N, C-alpha and C. Protein backbone atom coordinates (compact mmCIF):
# COMPACT_ATOMS: atom_id res chain seq x y z
N MET A 1 -4.08 -14.91 -9.91
CA MET A 1 -3.74 -13.66 -8.99
C MET A 1 -4.03 -14.16 -7.61
N VAL A 2 -5.04 -14.95 -7.26
CA VAL A 2 -5.32 -15.54 -5.91
C VAL A 2 -4.27 -16.36 -5.51
N LEU A 3 -3.78 -17.26 -6.36
CA LEU A 3 -2.71 -18.14 -6.00
C LEU A 3 -1.45 -17.34 -5.67
N PHE A 4 -0.99 -16.39 -6.50
CA PHE A 4 0.10 -15.52 -6.18
C PHE A 4 0.01 -14.84 -4.91
N SER A 5 -1.28 -14.38 -4.57
CA SER A 5 -1.42 -13.55 -3.37
C SER A 5 -1.21 -14.51 -2.12
N VAL A 6 -1.83 -15.69 -2.20
CA VAL A 6 -1.71 -16.69 -1.10
C VAL A 6 -0.24 -16.95 -0.94
N GLN A 7 0.51 -17.30 -2.05
CA GLN A 7 1.94 -17.63 -1.86
C GLN A 7 2.75 -16.44 -1.26
N PHE A 8 2.39 -15.26 -1.83
CA PHE A 8 3.10 -14.06 -1.16
C PHE A 8 2.86 -13.84 0.25
N MET A 9 1.70 -13.97 0.67
CA MET A 9 1.28 -13.75 1.99
C MET A 9 1.64 -14.90 2.96
N SER A 10 1.74 -16.10 2.45
CA SER A 10 2.15 -17.23 3.34
C SER A 10 3.50 -17.52 3.54
N GLY A 11 4.42 -16.83 2.66
CA GLY A 11 5.83 -16.89 2.75
C GLY A 11 6.33 -16.39 4.14
N GLY A 12 7.48 -16.96 4.62
CA GLY A 12 7.79 -16.55 6.00
C GLY A 12 8.51 -15.19 6.03
N SER A 13 8.78 -14.72 4.89
CA SER A 13 9.62 -13.51 4.78
C SER A 13 8.53 -12.29 4.48
N LEU A 14 7.38 -12.39 4.57
CA LEU A 14 6.45 -11.34 4.28
C LEU A 14 6.60 -10.16 4.96
N LEU A 15 6.84 -10.18 6.26
CA LEU A 15 7.15 -8.90 7.11
C LEU A 15 8.34 -8.30 6.71
N SER A 16 9.34 -9.14 6.57
CA SER A 16 10.77 -8.38 6.16
C SER A 16 10.69 -7.75 4.76
N ARG A 17 9.91 -8.38 3.86
CA ARG A 17 9.68 -7.89 2.58
C ARG A 17 8.92 -6.52 2.61
N LEU A 18 7.85 -6.55 3.48
CA LEU A 18 7.12 -5.18 3.62
C LEU A 18 8.00 -4.08 4.20
N TRP A 19 8.77 -4.49 5.19
CA TRP A 19 9.55 -3.64 6.00
C TRP A 19 10.58 -3.01 5.08
N SER A 20 11.16 -3.70 4.16
CA SER A 20 12.32 -3.30 3.37
C SER A 20 11.84 -2.86 1.98
N PHE A 21 10.40 -2.57 1.81
CA PHE A 21 9.88 -2.24 0.59
C PHE A 21 10.50 -0.85 0.12
N PRO A 22 10.98 -0.70 -1.06
CA PRO A 22 11.53 0.59 -1.47
C PRO A 22 10.65 1.74 -1.69
N MET A 23 10.30 2.45 -0.59
CA MET A 23 9.13 3.41 -0.64
C MET A 23 9.50 4.54 -1.69
N ASP A 24 10.71 4.82 -1.81
CA ASP A 24 11.10 5.95 -2.72
C ASP A 24 11.09 5.54 -4.23
N SER A 25 10.64 4.37 -4.46
CA SER A 25 10.56 3.82 -5.94
C SER A 25 9.15 3.93 -6.40
N LEU A 26 8.14 4.39 -5.40
CA LEU A 26 6.72 4.55 -5.80
C LEU A 26 6.79 5.80 -6.87
N ASN A 27 5.81 5.58 -7.64
CA ASN A 27 5.45 6.65 -8.63
C ASN A 27 3.98 7.09 -8.64
N GLU A 28 3.72 8.23 -9.35
CA GLU A 28 2.35 8.71 -9.12
C GLU A 28 1.36 7.80 -9.71
N GLU A 29 1.71 7.06 -10.81
CA GLU A 29 0.70 6.21 -11.43
C GLU A 29 0.38 4.92 -10.59
N THR A 30 1.36 4.47 -10.03
CA THR A 30 1.13 3.36 -9.18
C THR A 30 0.22 3.73 -7.92
N VAL A 31 0.59 4.89 -7.38
CA VAL A 31 -0.21 5.34 -6.14
C VAL A 31 -1.67 5.57 -6.59
N GLU A 32 -1.68 6.34 -7.74
CA GLU A 32 -3.21 6.50 -8.15
C GLU A 32 -3.95 5.19 -8.40
N PHE A 33 -3.25 4.28 -8.91
CA PHE A 33 -3.92 2.93 -9.08
C PHE A 33 -4.38 2.23 -7.91
N VAL A 34 -3.40 2.26 -6.88
CA VAL A 34 -3.70 1.60 -5.62
C VAL A 34 -4.76 2.35 -4.96
N GLN A 35 -4.72 3.75 -4.91
CA GLN A 35 -5.78 4.48 -4.32
C GLN A 35 -7.17 4.30 -4.75
N ALA A 36 -7.15 4.15 -6.23
CA ALA A 36 -8.37 3.83 -6.78
C ALA A 36 -9.07 2.49 -6.37
N LEU A 37 -8.15 1.44 -6.23
CA LEU A 37 -8.62 0.17 -5.73
C LEU A 37 -9.16 0.17 -4.35
N LEU A 38 -8.38 0.88 -3.47
CA LEU A 38 -8.77 0.87 -2.05
C LEU A 38 -10.00 1.80 -1.79
N GLU A 39 -10.25 2.61 -2.67
CA GLU A 39 -11.34 3.59 -2.55
C GLU A 39 -12.65 3.16 -3.46
N SER A 40 -12.55 2.01 -3.95
CA SER A 40 -13.42 1.55 -4.89
C SER A 40 -14.72 1.26 -3.97
N ASP A 41 -15.92 1.50 -4.71
CA ASP A 41 -17.17 1.20 -3.96
C ASP A 41 -17.29 -0.39 -3.67
N ASP A 42 -16.63 -1.17 -4.62
CA ASP A 42 -16.71 -2.61 -4.55
C ASP A 42 -15.81 -3.18 -3.39
N PHE A 43 -14.95 -2.43 -2.82
CA PHE A 43 -14.05 -2.81 -1.82
C PHE A 43 -14.52 -2.52 -0.45
N GLU A 44 -14.92 -3.49 0.31
CA GLU A 44 -15.51 -3.33 1.54
C GLU A 44 -14.52 -3.92 2.54
N VAL A 45 -14.00 -3.09 3.34
CA VAL A 45 -12.86 -3.61 4.37
C VAL A 45 -13.42 -4.48 5.37
N GLU A 46 -14.66 -4.25 5.84
CA GLU A 46 -15.14 -5.18 6.80
C GLU A 46 -15.45 -6.57 6.23
N LEU A 47 -15.89 -6.61 5.01
CA LEU A 47 -16.21 -7.94 4.43
C LEU A 47 -14.93 -8.67 4.11
N VAL A 48 -13.87 -7.97 3.78
CA VAL A 48 -12.53 -8.49 3.52
C VAL A 48 -12.04 -9.05 4.81
N LYS A 49 -12.23 -8.32 5.90
CA LYS A 49 -11.79 -8.71 7.26
C LYS A 49 -12.40 -10.04 7.73
N GLN A 50 -13.72 -10.01 7.52
CA GLN A 50 -14.49 -11.29 7.74
C GLN A 50 -13.98 -12.41 6.94
N THR A 51 -13.74 -12.14 5.62
CA THR A 51 -13.43 -13.30 4.79
C THR A 51 -11.95 -13.78 4.96
N CYS A 52 -11.11 -12.87 5.09
CA CYS A 52 -9.60 -13.22 4.92
C CYS A 52 -8.89 -13.04 6.22
N GLY A 53 -9.44 -12.33 7.25
CA GLY A 53 -8.76 -12.29 8.63
C GLY A 53 -8.02 -10.90 8.55
N THR A 54 -7.41 -10.67 9.71
CA THR A 54 -6.62 -9.42 9.96
C THR A 54 -5.57 -9.14 9.02
N LEU A 55 -4.77 -10.24 8.62
CA LEU A 55 -3.66 -10.03 7.77
C LEU A 55 -3.91 -9.14 6.52
N VAL A 56 -5.08 -9.28 5.82
CA VAL A 56 -5.45 -8.49 4.74
C VAL A 56 -5.81 -7.09 5.14
N THR A 57 -6.42 -7.11 6.30
CA THR A 57 -6.75 -5.56 6.83
C THR A 57 -5.36 -4.99 7.18
N GLY A 58 -4.42 -5.70 7.65
CA GLY A 58 -3.10 -4.96 7.84
C GLY A 58 -2.43 -4.57 6.53
N LEU A 59 -2.56 -5.40 5.60
CA LEU A 59 -2.05 -4.99 4.28
C LEU A 59 -2.83 -3.81 3.59
N TYR A 60 -4.07 -3.79 3.93
CA TYR A 60 -4.83 -2.64 3.37
C TYR A 60 -4.37 -1.28 4.17
N SER A 61 -4.09 -1.50 5.41
CA SER A 61 -3.67 -0.25 6.18
C SER A 61 -2.17 0.09 5.69
N TRP A 62 -1.34 -0.92 5.43
CA TRP A 62 0.00 -0.70 4.81
C TRP A 62 -0.03 0.11 3.56
N ALA A 63 -1.02 -0.37 2.67
CA ALA A 63 -1.04 0.30 1.35
C ALA A 63 -1.60 1.65 1.38
N ARG A 64 -2.49 1.84 2.35
CA ARG A 64 -2.86 3.18 2.45
C ARG A 64 -1.93 4.21 3.08
N ALA A 65 -1.21 3.63 3.99
CA ALA A 65 -0.07 4.29 4.54
C ALA A 65 1.02 4.72 3.50
N LEU A 66 1.31 3.73 2.58
CA LEU A 66 2.29 4.06 1.48
C LEU A 66 1.86 5.11 0.72
N CYS A 67 0.52 5.12 0.43
CA CYS A 67 0.07 6.24 -0.39
C CYS A 67 0.13 7.56 0.21
N SER A 68 -0.11 7.54 1.47
CA SER A 68 0.05 8.77 2.35
C SER A 68 1.45 9.30 2.42
N TYR A 69 2.42 8.31 2.46
CA TYR A 69 3.84 8.66 2.49
C TYR A 69 4.12 9.40 1.19
N TYR A 70 3.73 8.73 0.20
CA TYR A 70 4.10 9.28 -1.33
C TYR A 70 3.57 10.62 -1.35
N SER A 71 2.39 10.97 -0.90
CA SER A 71 1.81 12.35 -1.00
C SER A 71 2.53 13.29 -0.16
N VAL A 72 3.04 13.05 1.12
CA VAL A 72 3.59 13.84 1.97
C VAL A 72 5.00 14.09 1.52
N ASN A 73 5.62 12.96 0.97
CA ASN A 73 7.05 13.02 0.45
C ASN A 73 7.09 13.87 -0.76
N LYS A 74 6.18 13.88 -1.59
CA LYS A 74 6.05 14.66 -2.75
C LYS A 74 5.91 16.10 -2.42
N ASN A 75 5.23 16.39 -1.44
CA ASN A 75 4.94 17.84 -0.89
C ASN A 75 6.23 18.33 -0.35
N VAL A 76 7.00 17.52 0.46
CA VAL A 76 8.18 17.91 1.16
C VAL A 76 9.18 18.19 0.07
N ILE A 77 9.43 17.21 -0.88
CA ILE A 77 10.47 17.37 -1.92
C ILE A 77 10.14 18.73 -2.68
N GLY A 78 9.02 18.94 -2.93
CA GLY A 78 8.50 20.24 -3.72
C GLY A 78 8.86 21.48 -2.88
N THR A 79 8.60 21.38 -1.61
CA THR A 79 8.99 22.49 -0.77
C THR A 79 10.41 22.68 -0.69
N LYS A 80 11.32 21.66 -0.64
CA LYS A 80 12.76 21.65 -0.62
C LYS A 80 13.20 22.29 -1.92
N VAL A 81 12.65 22.07 -3.00
CA VAL A 81 13.13 22.58 -4.35
C VAL A 81 12.89 24.04 -4.41
N HIS A 82 11.75 24.47 -3.78
CA HIS A 82 11.27 25.90 -3.88
C HIS A 82 12.17 26.75 -2.89
N LEU A 83 12.72 26.15 -1.86
CA LEU A 83 13.39 26.85 -0.91
C LEU A 83 14.87 27.21 -1.44
N ARG A 84 15.29 26.46 -2.47
CA ARG A 84 16.72 26.64 -2.94
C ARG A 84 16.83 27.81 -3.76
């Protein structure tokens, strides 16, 4: 897992892959899993920042933003369905 992470993050196309991530392909199960990891008592953002640098902190923020996007999008779509 660590080797995969290093290869993924060190690739020159990381930013373009994050930018083109298919946000609409997220599902509730994945979002719940990611949120559980990010909110775990074992996960300390400051320790990760000290150990791995700002790149990982940026990925942390990106993952949290995707979870927020999913929640907002789910509510908006639900509202649109009820308005019809």
